[in-house]
């Protein structure tokens, strides 16, 4: 499955660099997004990759929150990631 990082998970004054909001292609509502909880994701850069896990749904339009092993750089926003099995 293809997915795109939309934003960091954030509040009014803070942002959480290890957590990202991700829009998944073909997922339209919260119920479909909940079925993906626990799946592994990976974002790859030229030299390294960062792995993460889908932890929960975000909103009612099919977005999910992904918790990564370490903080993501700002260049990751808008980048495609792949969802493993």
N, C-alpha and C. Protein backbone atom coordinates (compact mmCIF):
# COMPACT_ATOMS: atom_id res chain seq x y z
N UNK A 1 0.83 -1.19 0.00
CA UNK A 1 0.00 0.00 0.00
C UNK A 1 0.87 1.25 0.00
N UNK A 2 0.39 2.26 -0.65
CA UNK A 2 1.08 3.54 -0.65
C UNK A 2 0.46 4.46 0.40
N UNK A 3 1.30 5.28 0.98
CA UNK A 3 0.84 6.25 1.96
C UNK A 3 1.73 7.47 1.88
N UNK A 4 1.21 8.61 2.34
CA UNK A 4 1.96 9.87 2.31
C UNK A 4 1.91 10.49 3.70
N UNK A 5 3.07 10.98 4.16
CA UNK A 5 3.13 11.67 5.44
C UNK A 5 2.56 13.07 5.24
N UNK A 6 1.53 13.39 6.02
CA UNK A 6 0.84 14.67 5.89
C UNK A 6 1.46 15.71 6.82
N UNK A 7 1.73 15.30 8.07
CA UNK A 7 2.20 16.25 9.07
C UNK A 7 2.75 15.50 10.26
N UNK A 8 3.43 16.22 11.12
CA UNK A 8 3.74 15.69 12.43
C UNK A 8 2.46 15.70 13.25
N UNK A 9 2.40 14.86 14.29
CA UNK A 9 1.32 14.99 15.26
C UNK A 9 1.72 16.15 16.15
N UNK A 10 0.80 17.10 16.33
CA UNK A 10 1.20 18.31 17.03
C UNK A 10 0.05 18.91 17.80
N UNK A 11 0.44 19.79 18.71
CA UNK A 11 -0.52 20.57 19.47
C UNK A 11 -0.38 22.02 19.07
N UNK A 12 -0.89 22.87 19.89
CA UNK A 12 -0.86 24.29 19.58
C UNK A 12 0.55 24.85 19.64
N UNK A 13 1.34 24.41 20.62
CA UNK A 13 2.68 24.96 20.81
C UNK A 13 3.79 23.94 20.61
N UNK A 14 3.47 22.68 20.40
CA UNK A 14 4.50 21.64 20.29
C UNK A 14 4.23 20.75 19.10
N UNK A 15 5.26 20.03 18.69
CA UNK A 15 5.06 18.96 17.72
C UNK A 15 5.89 17.77 18.14
N UNK A 16 5.36 16.59 17.88
CA UNK A 16 5.99 15.36 18.29
C UNK A 16 6.73 14.79 17.08
N UNK A 17 8.05 14.81 17.11
CA UNK A 17 8.85 14.45 15.95
C UNK A 17 8.83 12.96 15.66
N UNK A 18 8.48 12.14 16.63
CA UNK A 18 8.42 10.69 16.42
C UNK A 18 7.07 10.23 15.90
N UNK A 19 6.06 11.10 15.93
CA UNK A 19 4.72 10.71 15.53
C UNK A 19 4.29 11.50 14.30
N UNK A 20 3.74 10.80 13.32
CA UNK A 20 3.32 11.45 12.08
C UNK A 20 1.88 11.08 11.76
N UNK A 21 1.19 11.99 11.09
CA UNK A 21 -0.13 11.72 10.56
C UNK A 21 0.04 11.32 9.11
N UNK A 22 -0.54 10.17 8.75
CA UNK A 22 -0.31 9.58 7.44
C UNK A 22 -1.65 9.35 6.75
N UNK A 23 -1.73 9.73 5.47
CA UNK A 23 -2.90 9.47 4.63
C UNK A 23 -2.60 8.27 3.76
N UNK A 24 -3.45 7.24 3.84
CA UNK A 24 -3.24 6.00 3.11
C UNK A 24 -4.17 5.97 1.90
N UNK A 25 -3.61 5.60 0.76
CA UNK A 25 -4.35 5.54 -0.49
C UNK A 25 -5.44 4.47 -0.40
N UNK A 26 -6.67 4.83 -0.73
CA UNK A 26 -7.78 3.88 -0.75
C UNK A 26 -8.54 3.76 0.55
N UNK A 27 -8.09 4.40 1.61
CA UNK A 27 -8.77 4.34 2.90
C UNK A 27 -9.61 5.62 3.04
N UNK A 28 -10.90 5.46 3.23
CA UNK A 28 -11.80 6.61 3.20
C UNK A 28 -12.43 6.97 4.54
N UNK A 29 -12.47 6.01 5.49
CA UNK A 29 -13.13 6.33 6.76
C UNK A 29 -12.38 5.73 7.94
N UNK A 30 -12.85 6.04 9.13
CA UNK A 30 -12.18 5.64 10.37
C UNK A 30 -12.19 4.12 10.56
N UNK A 31 -13.27 3.45 10.18
CA UNK A 31 -13.37 2.00 10.37
C UNK A 31 -12.32 1.26 9.54
N UNK A 32 -12.11 1.68 8.31
CA UNK A 32 -11.09 1.07 7.46
C UNK A 32 -9.69 1.33 8.02
N UNK A 33 -9.49 2.52 8.57
CA UNK A 33 -8.19 2.88 9.13
C UNK A 33 -7.88 2.05 10.37
N UNK A 34 -8.88 1.74 11.18
CA UNK A 34 -8.67 0.96 12.40
C UNK A 34 -8.18 -0.45 12.09
N UNK A 35 -8.50 -0.99 10.92
CA UNK A 35 -8.06 -2.33 10.54
C UNK A 35 -6.55 -2.39 10.31
N UNK A 36 -5.91 -1.25 10.11
CA UNK A 36 -4.48 -1.21 9.83
C UNK A 36 -3.62 -1.03 11.07
N UNK A 37 -4.24 -0.90 12.24
CA UNK A 37 -3.48 -0.70 13.47
C UNK A 37 -2.57 -1.90 13.72
N UNK A 38 -1.32 -1.62 14.04
CA UNK A 38 -0.33 -2.66 14.29
C UNK A 38 0.55 -2.99 13.11
N UNK A 39 0.23 -2.50 11.92
CA UNK A 39 1.04 -2.77 10.73
C UNK A 39 2.35 -1.98 10.80
N UNK A 40 3.39 -2.56 10.23
CA UNK A 40 4.71 -1.93 10.18
C UNK A 40 4.79 -1.03 8.96
N UNK A 41 5.47 0.10 9.10
CA UNK A 41 5.71 1.01 7.98
C UNK A 41 7.21 1.31 7.90
N UNK A 42 7.64 1.80 6.74
CA UNK A 42 9.04 2.13 6.58
C UNK A 42 9.16 3.31 5.62
N UNK A 43 9.96 4.28 6.01
CA UNK A 43 10.27 5.41 5.14
C UNK A 43 11.76 5.32 4.84
N UNK A 44 12.10 5.38 3.56
CA UNK A 44 13.51 5.21 3.20
C UNK A 44 14.06 6.50 2.61
N UNK A 45 15.26 6.82 3.04
CA UNK A 45 16.01 7.95 2.52
C UNK A 45 17.18 7.39 1.73
N UNK A 46 18.06 8.24 1.26
CA UNK A 46 19.16 7.77 0.42
C UNK A 46 20.11 6.84 1.18
N UNK A 47 20.39 7.13 2.45
CA UNK A 47 21.35 6.32 3.20
C UNK A 47 20.73 5.45 4.28
N UNK A 48 19.58 5.82 4.77
CA UNK A 48 19.00 5.10 5.90
C UNK A 48 17.49 4.99 5.74
N UNK A 49 16.91 4.20 6.60
CA UNK A 49 15.45 4.10 6.64
C UNK A 49 15.00 4.15 8.09
N UNK A 50 13.78 4.61 8.29
CA UNK A 50 13.19 4.70 9.62
C UNK A 50 11.95 3.82 9.62
N UNK A 51 11.86 2.93 10.61
CA UNK A 51 10.72 2.04 10.72
C UNK A 51 9.76 2.57 11.77
N UNK A 52 8.50 2.21 11.60
CA UNK A 52 7.49 2.64 12.55
C UNK A 52 6.31 1.69 12.56
N UNK A 53 5.31 2.03 13.38
CA UNK A 53 4.13 1.19 13.52
C UNK A 53 2.89 2.08 13.59
N UNK A 54 1.82 1.64 12.93
CA UNK A 54 0.55 2.37 12.98
C UNK A 54 -0.06 2.12 14.36
N UNK A 55 -0.39 3.22 15.07
CA UNK A 55 -0.88 3.08 16.44
C UNK A 55 -2.37 3.35 16.60
N UNK A 56 -2.93 4.28 15.80
CA UNK A 56 -4.35 4.58 15.95
C UNK A 56 -4.85 5.35 14.75
N UNK A 57 -6.17 5.48 14.65
CA UNK A 57 -6.79 6.29 13.61
C UNK A 57 -6.73 7.75 14.02
N UNK A 58 -6.78 8.62 13.03
CA UNK A 58 -6.75 10.06 13.29
C UNK A 58 -7.87 10.71 12.50
N UNK A 59 -8.89 11.15 13.18
CA UNK A 59 -10.01 11.80 12.50
C UNK A 59 -10.94 10.79 11.87
N UNK A 60 -11.84 11.28 11.03
CA UNK A 60 -12.86 10.43 10.42
C UNK A 60 -12.64 10.20 8.93
N UNK A 61 -11.53 10.70 8.36
CA UNK A 61 -11.32 10.60 6.92
C UNK A 61 -10.25 9.60 6.52
N UNK A 62 -9.92 8.68 7.41
CA UNK A 62 -9.01 7.60 7.04
C UNK A 62 -7.54 7.84 7.28
N UNK A 63 -7.19 8.87 8.00
CA UNK A 63 -5.79 9.09 8.33
C UNK A 63 -5.44 8.28 9.56
N UNK A 64 -4.13 7.98 9.73
CA UNK A 64 -3.67 7.21 10.88
C UNK A 64 -2.47 7.92 11.50
N UNK A 65 -2.17 7.57 12.76
CA UNK A 65 -0.98 8.06 13.45
C UNK A 65 0.05 6.95 13.44
N UNK A 66 1.28 7.29 13.05
CA UNK A 66 2.38 6.33 13.01
C UNK A 66 3.43 6.77 14.02
N UNK A 67 3.87 5.82 14.85
CA UNK A 67 4.93 6.06 15.82
C UNK A 67 6.21 5.49 15.26
N UNK A 68 7.21 6.35 15.01
CA UNK A 68 8.48 5.93 14.44
C UNK A 68 9.49 5.64 15.53
N UNK A 69 10.53 4.86 15.20
CA UNK A 69 11.57 4.50 16.15
C UNK A 69 12.36 5.71 16.61
N UNK A 70 12.59 6.64 15.72
CA UNK A 70 13.32 7.86 16.07
C UNK A 70 12.66 9.02 15.34
N UNK A 71 13.08 10.23 15.65
CA UNK A 71 12.48 11.41 15.06
C UNK A 71 12.69 11.50 13.57
N UNK A 72 11.70 12.02 12.88
CA UNK A 72 11.78 12.20 11.43
C UNK A 72 12.30 13.59 11.11
N UNK A 73 13.06 13.73 10.04
CA UNK A 73 13.46 15.06 9.60
C UNK A 73 12.30 15.76 8.91
N UNK A 74 12.39 17.05 8.76
CA UNK A 74 11.34 17.82 8.11
C UNK A 74 11.15 17.46 6.65
N UNK A 75 12.20 16.93 6.00
CA UNK A 75 12.10 16.54 4.60
C UNK A 75 11.16 15.36 4.39
N UNK A 76 10.78 14.68 5.45
CA UNK A 76 9.91 13.51 5.34
C UNK A 76 8.46 13.89 5.04
N UNK A 77 8.06 15.10 5.35
CA UNK A 77 6.67 15.51 5.12
C UNK A 77 6.43 15.58 3.62
N UNK A 78 5.37 14.91 3.18
CA UNK A 78 5.03 14.85 1.76
C UNK A 78 5.66 13.67 1.05
N UNK A 79 6.48 12.91 1.75
CA UNK A 79 7.19 11.78 1.14
C UNK A 79 6.33 10.51 1.26
N UNK A 80 6.44 9.63 0.26
CA UNK A 80 5.71 8.38 0.28
C UNK A 80 6.41 7.37 1.19
N UNK A 81 5.60 6.58 1.88
CA UNK A 81 6.13 5.50 2.70
C UNK A 81 5.43 4.22 2.26
N UNK A 82 5.99 3.07 2.65
CA UNK A 82 5.34 1.82 2.30
C UNK A 82 4.90 1.11 3.56
N UNK A 83 3.76 0.43 3.45
CA UNK A 83 3.18 -0.30 4.56
C UNK A 83 3.44 -1.79 4.30
N UNK A 84 4.08 -2.44 5.27
CA UNK A 84 4.42 -3.85 5.16
C UNK A 84 3.33 -4.70 5.80
N UNK A 85 2.86 -5.70 5.04
CA UNK A 85 1.93 -6.73 5.49
C UNK A 85 1.12 -6.35 6.62
